Amino acid sequence: FRLEDQEYSPIRPLVDWLDYNGYTMVTKPTKEFTDASGRRKVKGNMDIELAIDVMEMAECVDHILLFSGDGDFRRLVEAVQRKGVRVTVISTVRSQPPMVADELRRQADNFIELADLSPRIART
């Protein structure tokens, strides 16, 4: 999932590679607004789209990897677990503040600390 922007995105090569290799990219335009102090802000999230896709996939998969720390996904995780799907949450507790909600981490079948993946996924 990613949010679209009108300008070139530095992740465009990754998006193209994923698309070429059979991954489906779900996109959504961002919304721009000016806050009370006159600053330009960009807003957007994919929570609803992600939740719907996960619920639709739940009957076809046995394990979901969720790269998020958003506690709002705890109920989604619980719902797919009731359908027999295992859920691994990948996020971090090593940042200040931690980027994973404690309730989401506890609900997951497994939790992977993102920093522990760094040696395997980081550019060298």
N, C-alpha and C. Protein backbone atom coordinates (compact mmCIF):
# COMPACT_ATOMS: atom_id res chain seq x y z
N PHE A 1 0.84 -1.17 0.00
CA PHE A 1 0.00 0.00 0.00
C PHE A 1 0.88 1.23 0.00
N ARG A 2 0.48 2.23 -0.75
CA ARG A 2 1.21 3.49 -0.72
C ARG A 2 0.27 4.61 -1.08
N LEU A 3 0.61 5.79 -0.68
CA LEU A 3 -0.16 6.98 -1.03
C LEU A 3 0.47 7.63 -2.25
N GLU A 4 -0.35 8.06 -3.18
CA GLU A 4 0.14 8.69 -4.39
C GLU A 4 0.43 10.16 -4.13
N ASP A 5 1.40 10.67 -4.81
CA ASP A 5 1.68 12.10 -4.82
C ASP A 5 1.76 12.51 -6.27
N GLN A 6 1.48 13.75 -6.56
CA GLN A 6 1.47 14.21 -7.94
C GLN A 6 2.88 14.27 -8.53
N GLU A 7 3.89 14.49 -7.68
CA GLU A 7 5.25 14.63 -8.15
C GLU A 7 5.95 13.27 -8.17
N TYR A 8 7.15 13.25 -8.75
CA TYR A 8 7.95 12.03 -8.77
C TYR A 8 8.24 11.58 -7.36
N SER A 9 8.16 10.29 -7.13
CA SER A 9 8.42 9.73 -5.82
C SER A 9 9.74 8.95 -5.85
N PRO A 10 10.55 9.07 -4.80
CA PRO A 10 11.80 8.32 -4.77
C PRO A 10 11.58 6.81 -4.67
N ILE A 11 10.36 6.40 -4.32
CA ILE A 11 10.09 4.95 -4.25
C ILE A 11 9.53 4.42 -5.57
N ARG A 12 9.46 5.27 -6.57
CA ARG A 12 8.92 4.84 -7.87
C ARG A 12 9.63 3.61 -8.44
N PRO A 13 10.96 3.54 -8.40
CA PRO A 13 11.61 2.31 -8.91
C PRO A 13 11.17 1.06 -8.15
N LEU A 14 10.99 1.17 -6.84
CA LEU A 14 10.50 0.03 -6.06
C LEU A 14 9.10 -0.36 -6.47
N VAL A 15 8.24 0.62 -6.62
CA VAL A 15 6.85 0.36 -7.04
C VAL A 15 6.83 -0.33 -8.40
N ASP A 16 7.64 0.16 -9.32
CA ASP A 16 7.70 -0.46 -10.65
C ASP A 16 8.21 -1.90 -10.57
N TRP A 17 9.24 -2.13 -9.74
CA TRP A 17 9.78 -3.48 -9.58
C TRP A 17 8.73 -4.42 -9.00
N LEU A 18 8.01 -3.96 -7.96
CA LEU A 18 6.97 -4.79 -7.36
C LEU A 18 5.88 -5.13 -8.37
N ASP A 19 5.45 -4.14 -9.12
CA ASP A 19 4.43 -4.36 -10.13
C ASP A 19 4.90 -5.36 -11.18
N TYR A 20 6.12 -5.20 -11.66
CA TYR A 20 6.69 -6.08 -12.67
C TYR A 20 6.78 -7.52 -12.16
N ASN A 21 7.02 -7.68 -10.86
CA ASN A 21 7.20 -9.01 -10.28
C ASN A 21 5.92 -9.59 -9.68
N GLY A 22 4.78 -9.04 -10.08
CA GLY A 22 3.51 -9.67 -9.75
C GLY A 22 2.81 -9.18 -8.50
N TYR A 23 3.37 -8.19 -7.84
CA TYR A 23 2.71 -7.66 -6.65
C TYR A 23 1.66 -6.64 -7.08
N THR A 24 0.57 -6.59 -6.33
CA THR A 24 -0.47 -5.61 -6.60
C THR A 24 -0.25 -4.41 -5.69
N MET A 25 -0.15 -3.26 -6.30
CA MET A 25 0.01 -2.04 -5.53
C MET A 25 -1.33 -1.34 -5.42
N VAL A 26 -1.73 -1.03 -4.21
CA VAL A 26 -2.95 -0.28 -3.98
C VAL A 26 -2.52 1.15 -3.69
N THR A 27 -3.04 2.08 -4.46
CA THR A 27 -2.63 3.48 -4.30
C THR A 27 -3.85 4.35 -4.01
N LYS A 28 -3.56 5.50 -3.48
CA LYS A 28 -4.63 6.44 -3.13
C LYS A 28 -4.02 7.85 -3.16
N PRO A 29 -4.70 8.78 -3.80
CA PRO A 29 -4.15 10.15 -3.82
C PRO A 29 -4.09 10.74 -2.41
N THR A 30 -3.04 11.52 -2.15
CA THR A 30 -2.96 12.22 -0.88
C THR A 30 -3.85 13.45 -0.93
N LYS A 31 -4.18 13.96 0.24
CA LYS A 31 -4.97 15.18 0.33
C LYS A 31 -4.10 16.28 0.92
N GLU A 32 -4.10 17.41 0.25
CA GLU A 32 -3.32 18.54 0.73
C GLU A 32 -4.25 19.56 1.36
N PHE A 33 -3.76 20.18 2.45
CA PHE A 33 -4.53 21.25 3.09
C PHE A 33 -3.57 22.20 3.78
N THR A 34 -4.06 23.34 4.14
CA THR A 34 -3.27 24.33 4.86
C THR A 34 -3.79 24.38 6.28
N ASP A 35 -2.87 24.22 7.26
CA ASP A 35 -3.31 24.22 8.66
C ASP A 35 -3.55 25.65 9.15
N ALA A 36 -3.96 25.78 10.41
CA ALA A 36 -4.34 27.08 10.97
C ALA A 36 -3.19 28.09 10.94
N SER A 37 -1.95 27.62 10.97
CA SER A 37 -0.82 28.55 10.95
C SER A 37 -0.31 28.80 9.52
N GLY A 38 -1.05 28.32 8.52
CA GLY A 38 -0.68 28.59 7.13
C GLY A 38 0.30 27.62 6.51
N ARG A 39 0.65 26.57 7.23
CA ARG A 39 1.59 25.59 6.69
C ARG A 39 0.86 24.57 5.83
N ARG A 40 1.51 24.20 4.72
CA ARG A 40 0.96 23.18 3.82
C ARG A 40 1.18 21.81 4.44
N LYS A 41 0.13 21.03 4.51
CA LYS A 41 0.19 19.68 5.08
C LYS A 41 -0.32 18.68 4.04
N VAL A 42 0.23 17.49 4.09
CA VAL A 42 -0.22 16.40 3.23
C VAL A 42 -0.75 15.32 4.15
N LYS A 43 -1.95 14.84 3.84
CA LYS A 43 -2.59 13.85 4.70
C LYS A 43 -3.04 12.67 3.86
N GLY A 44 -2.99 11.52 4.48
CA GLY A 44 -3.50 10.33 3.82
C GLY A 44 -3.17 9.10 4.62
N ASN A 45 -4.05 8.14 4.61
CA ASN A 45 -3.73 6.85 5.20
C ASN A 45 -4.49 5.77 4.46
N MET A 46 -4.05 4.55 4.66
CA MET A 46 -4.60 3.41 3.92
C MET A 46 -5.22 2.38 4.87
N ASP A 47 -5.56 2.80 6.08
CA ASP A 47 -6.04 1.85 7.08
C ASP A 47 -7.27 1.06 6.62
N ILE A 48 -8.27 1.74 6.10
CA ILE A 48 -9.50 1.06 5.70
C ILE A 48 -9.24 0.12 4.53
N GLU A 49 -8.48 0.59 3.55
CA GLU A 49 -8.17 -0.25 2.39
C GLU A 49 -7.41 -1.50 2.82
N LEU A 50 -6.44 -1.32 3.70
CA LEU A 50 -5.66 -2.46 4.19
C LEU A 50 -6.55 -3.44 4.95
N ALA A 51 -7.39 -2.94 5.82
CA ALA A 51 -8.27 -3.82 6.61
C ALA A 51 -9.22 -4.61 5.72
N ILE A 52 -9.79 -3.96 4.73
CA ILE A 52 -10.71 -4.66 3.82
C ILE A 52 -9.97 -5.75 3.05
N ASP A 53 -8.80 -5.43 2.51
CA ASP A 53 -8.03 -6.42 1.76
C ASP A 53 -7.64 -7.60 2.63
N VAL A 54 -7.22 -7.35 3.85
CA VAL A 54 -6.83 -8.44 4.76
C VAL A 54 -8.04 -9.33 5.06
N MET A 55 -9.18 -8.74 5.33
CA MET A 55 -10.38 -9.55 5.61
C MET A 55 -10.77 -10.38 4.39
N GLU A 56 -10.66 -9.80 3.20
CA GLU A 56 -10.99 -10.56 1.99
C GLU A 56 -10.01 -11.69 1.74
N MET A 57 -8.75 -11.50 2.09
CA MET A 57 -7.71 -12.51 1.88
C MET A 57 -7.72 -13.61 2.94
N ALA A 58 -8.31 -13.35 4.07
CA ALA A 58 -8.18 -14.23 5.23
C ALA A 58 -8.57 -15.68 4.93
N GLU A 59 -9.51 -15.91 4.03
CA GLU A 59 -9.93 -17.27 3.72
C GLU A 59 -8.95 -17.98 2.79
N CYS A 60 -8.01 -17.24 2.22
CA CYS A 60 -7.09 -17.81 1.23
C CYS A 60 -5.66 -17.94 1.72
N VAL A 61 -5.36 -17.45 2.92
CA VAL A 61 -3.98 -17.47 3.42
C VAL A 61 -3.94 -18.09 4.81
N ASP A 62 -2.76 -18.52 5.22
CA ASP A 62 -2.64 -19.04 6.58
C ASP A 62 -1.76 -18.17 7.47
N HIS A 63 -1.09 -17.17 6.87
CA HIS A 63 -0.20 -16.32 7.65
C HIS A 63 -0.12 -14.94 6.99
N ILE A 64 -0.28 -13.90 7.78
CA ILE A 64 -0.19 -12.53 7.28
C ILE A 64 0.95 -11.82 8.01
N LEU A 65 1.75 -11.09 7.25
CA LEU A 65 2.81 -10.25 7.81
C LEU A 65 2.33 -8.81 7.74
N LEU A 66 2.23 -8.17 8.88
CA LEU A 66 1.74 -6.80 8.96
C LEU A 66 2.87 -5.88 9.36
N PHE A 67 3.33 -5.05 8.42
CA PHE A 67 4.38 -4.07 8.69
C PHE A 67 3.70 -2.80 9.19
N SER A 68 3.33 -2.78 10.45
CA SER A 68 2.69 -1.61 11.05
C SER A 68 2.77 -1.74 12.55
N GLY A 69 2.72 -0.62 13.21
CA GLY A 69 2.65 -0.62 14.67
C GLY A 69 1.38 0.03 15.17
N ASP A 70 0.48 0.35 14.25
CA ASP A 70 -0.74 1.07 14.57
C ASP A 70 -1.70 0.21 15.40
N GLY A 71 -1.97 0.65 16.61
CA GLY A 71 -2.86 -0.09 17.50
C GLY A 71 -4.27 -0.25 16.98
N ASP A 72 -4.66 0.59 16.02
CA ASP A 72 -6.00 0.44 15.42
C ASP A 72 -6.15 -0.89 14.70
N PHE A 73 -5.04 -1.53 14.36
CA PHE A 73 -5.11 -2.82 13.66
C PHE A 73 -5.28 -4.01 14.62
N ARG A 74 -5.30 -3.78 15.92
CA ARG A 74 -5.44 -4.89 16.86
C ARG A 74 -6.71 -5.68 16.61
N ARG A 75 -7.83 -5.00 16.40
CA ARG A 75 -9.09 -5.70 16.15
C ARG A 75 -9.06 -6.46 14.83
N LEU A 76 -8.39 -5.93 13.83
CA LEU A 76 -8.24 -6.63 12.55
C LEU A 76 -7.46 -7.92 12.78
N VAL A 77 -6.37 -7.83 13.52
CA VAL A 77 -5.55 -9.02 13.82
C VAL A 77 -6.39 -10.05 14.55
N GLU A 78 -7.13 -9.61 15.54
CA GLU A 78 -8.00 -10.52 16.31
C GLU A 78 -9.03 -11.19 15.39
N ALA A 79 -9.62 -10.42 14.49
CA ALA A 79 -10.65 -10.96 13.60
C ALA A 79 -10.10 -12.03 12.67
N VAL A 80 -8.92 -11.81 12.08
CA VAL A 80 -8.38 -12.82 11.17
C VAL A 80 -7.84 -14.02 11.95
N GLN A 81 -7.40 -13.81 13.17
CA GLN A 81 -6.98 -14.95 14.00
C GLN A 81 -8.16 -15.87 14.28
N ARG A 82 -9.34 -15.30 14.48
CA ARG A 82 -10.54 -16.14 14.68
C ARG A 82 -10.85 -16.98 13.46
N LYS A 83 -10.38 -16.55 12.29
CA LYS A 83 -10.56 -17.30 11.05
C LYS A 83 -9.42 -18.31 10.83
N GLY A 84 -8.52 -18.42 11.81
CA GLY A 84 -7.44 -19.39 11.73
C GLY A 84 -6.16 -18.88 11.10
N VAL A 85 -6.07 -17.59 10.87
CA VAL A 85 -4.89 -17.01 10.23
C VAL A 85 -3.91 -16.56 11.31
N ARG A 86 -2.64 -16.94 11.14
CA ARG A 86 -1.59 -16.46 12.04
C ARG A 86 -1.14 -15.09 11.56
N VAL A 87 -0.78 -14.22 12.51
CA VAL A 87 -0.37 -12.87 12.16
C VAL A 87 0.97 -12.55 12.82
N THR A 88 1.91 -12.11 12.00
CA THR A 88 3.19 -11.60 12.49
C THR A 88 3.20 -10.10 12.26
N VAL A 89 3.48 -9.36 13.32
CA VAL A 89 3.59 -7.90 13.24
C VAL A 89 5.08 -7.56 13.19
N ILE A 90 5.45 -6.69 12.26
CA ILE A 90 6.83 -6.25 12.11
C ILE A 90 6.84 -4.74 12.34
N SER A 91 7.52 -4.33 13.40
CA SER A 91 7.62 -2.91 13.75
C SER A 91 8.80 -2.76 14.70
N THR A 92 8.81 -1.69 15.50
CA THR A 92 9.93 -1.51 16.42
C THR A 92 9.49 -1.01 17.79
N VAL A 93 10.15 -1.53 18.80
CA VAL A 93 9.99 -1.02 20.16
C VAL A 93 11.25 -0.27 20.57
N ARG A 94 12.24 -0.24 19.69
CA ARG A 94 13.53 0.36 20.03
C ARG A 94 13.63 1.85 19.77
N SER A 95 12.59 2.43 19.18
CA SER A 95 12.61 3.87 18.96
C SER A 95 11.98 4.57 20.17
N GLN A 96 12.19 5.87 20.26
CA GLN A 96 11.56 6.65 21.32
C GLN A 96 10.66 7.71 20.69
N PRO A 97 9.37 7.62 20.82
CA PRO A 97 8.65 6.53 21.50
C PRO A 97 8.62 5.28 20.62
N PRO A 98 8.29 4.13 21.21
CA PRO A 98 8.17 2.90 20.41
C PRO A 98 7.13 3.10 19.30
N MET A 99 7.39 2.51 18.14
CA MET A 99 6.50 2.68 16.99
C MET A 99 5.45 1.58 16.87
N VAL A 100 5.35 0.72 17.88
CA VAL A 100 4.33 -0.31 17.86
C VAL A 100 3.49 -0.17 19.13
N ALA A 101 2.19 -0.22 18.95
CA ALA A 101 1.28 -0.17 20.08
C ALA A 101 1.39 -1.50 20.84
N ASP A 102 1.47 -1.39 22.15
CA ASP A 102 1.64 -2.58 22.98
C ASP A 102 0.52 -3.59 22.75
N GLU A 103 -0.72 -3.10 22.61
CA GLU A 103 -1.86 -4.01 22.42
C GLU A 103 -1.78 -4.76 21.09
N LEU A 104 -1.23 -4.13 20.05
CA LEU A 104 -1.05 -4.81 18.76
C LEU A 104 0.03 -5.87 18.89
N ARG A 105 1.13 -5.52 19.51
CA ARG A 105 2.24 -6.47 19.69
C ARG A 105 1.78 -7.70 20.48
N ARG A 106 1.01 -7.48 21.53
CA ARG A 106 0.53 -8.61 22.34
C ARG A 106 -0.50 -9.47 21.61
N GLN A 107 -1.30 -8.87 20.73
CA GLN A 107 -2.32 -9.61 20.00
C GLN A 107 -1.71 -10.52 18.93
N ALA A 108 -0.62 -10.09 18.36
CA ALA A 108 0.00 -10.84 17.25
C ALA A 108 0.50 -12.20 17.72
N ASP A 109 0.50 -13.15 16.81
CA ASP A 109 1.07 -14.46 17.11
C ASP A 109 2.58 -14.36 17.25
N ASN A 110 3.18 -13.50 16.44
CA ASN A 110 4.63 -13.28 16.49
C ASN A 110 4.89 -11.79 16.32
N PHE A 111 5.98 -11.33 16.90
CA PHE A 111 6.43 -9.96 16.71
C PHE A 111 7.89 -10.01 16.27
N ILE A 112 8.19 -9.30 15.19
CA ILE A 112 9.57 -9.21 14.72
C ILE A 112 10.01 -7.76 14.85
N GLU A 113 11.11 -7.57 15.58
CA GLU A 113 11.70 -6.25 15.73
C GLU A 113 12.34 -5.86 14.41
N LEU A 114 11.89 -4.73 13.86
CA LEU A 114 12.38 -4.29 12.56
C LEU A 114 13.89 -4.13 12.55
N ALA A 115 14.46 -3.64 13.63
CA ALA A 115 15.92 -3.46 13.69
C ALA A 115 16.65 -4.79 13.53
N ASP A 116 16.04 -5.89 13.97
CA ASP A 116 16.67 -7.20 13.83
C ASP A 116 16.71 -7.67 12.38
N LEU A 117 15.83 -7.11 11.54
CA LEU A 117 15.82 -7.46 10.12
C LEU A 117 16.87 -6.68 9.33
N SER A 118 17.35 -5.61 9.89
CA SER A 118 18.25 -4.72 9.17
C SER A 118 19.41 -5.43 8.50
N PRO A 119 20.12 -6.34 9.17
CA PRO A 119 21.24 -7.02 8.50
C PRO A 119 20.81 -7.81 7.27
N ARG A 120 19.56 -8.23 7.23
CA ARG A 120 19.09 -9.05 6.12
C ARG A 120 18.49 -8.25 4.98
N ILE A 121 17.98 -7.04 5.28
CA ILE A 121 17.26 -6.28 4.25
C ILE A 121 17.89 -4.95 3.90
N ALA A 122 18.84 -4.48 4.70
CA ALA A 122 19.45 -3.17 4.44
C ALA A 122 20.42 -3.25 3.27
N ARG A 123 20.57 -2.14 2.58
CA ARG A 123 21.54 -2.06 1.51
C ARG A 123 22.93 -2.09 2.13
N THR A 124 23.84 -2.76 1.43
CA THR A 124 25.22 -2.82 1.93
C THR A 124 26.18 -2.11 1.01
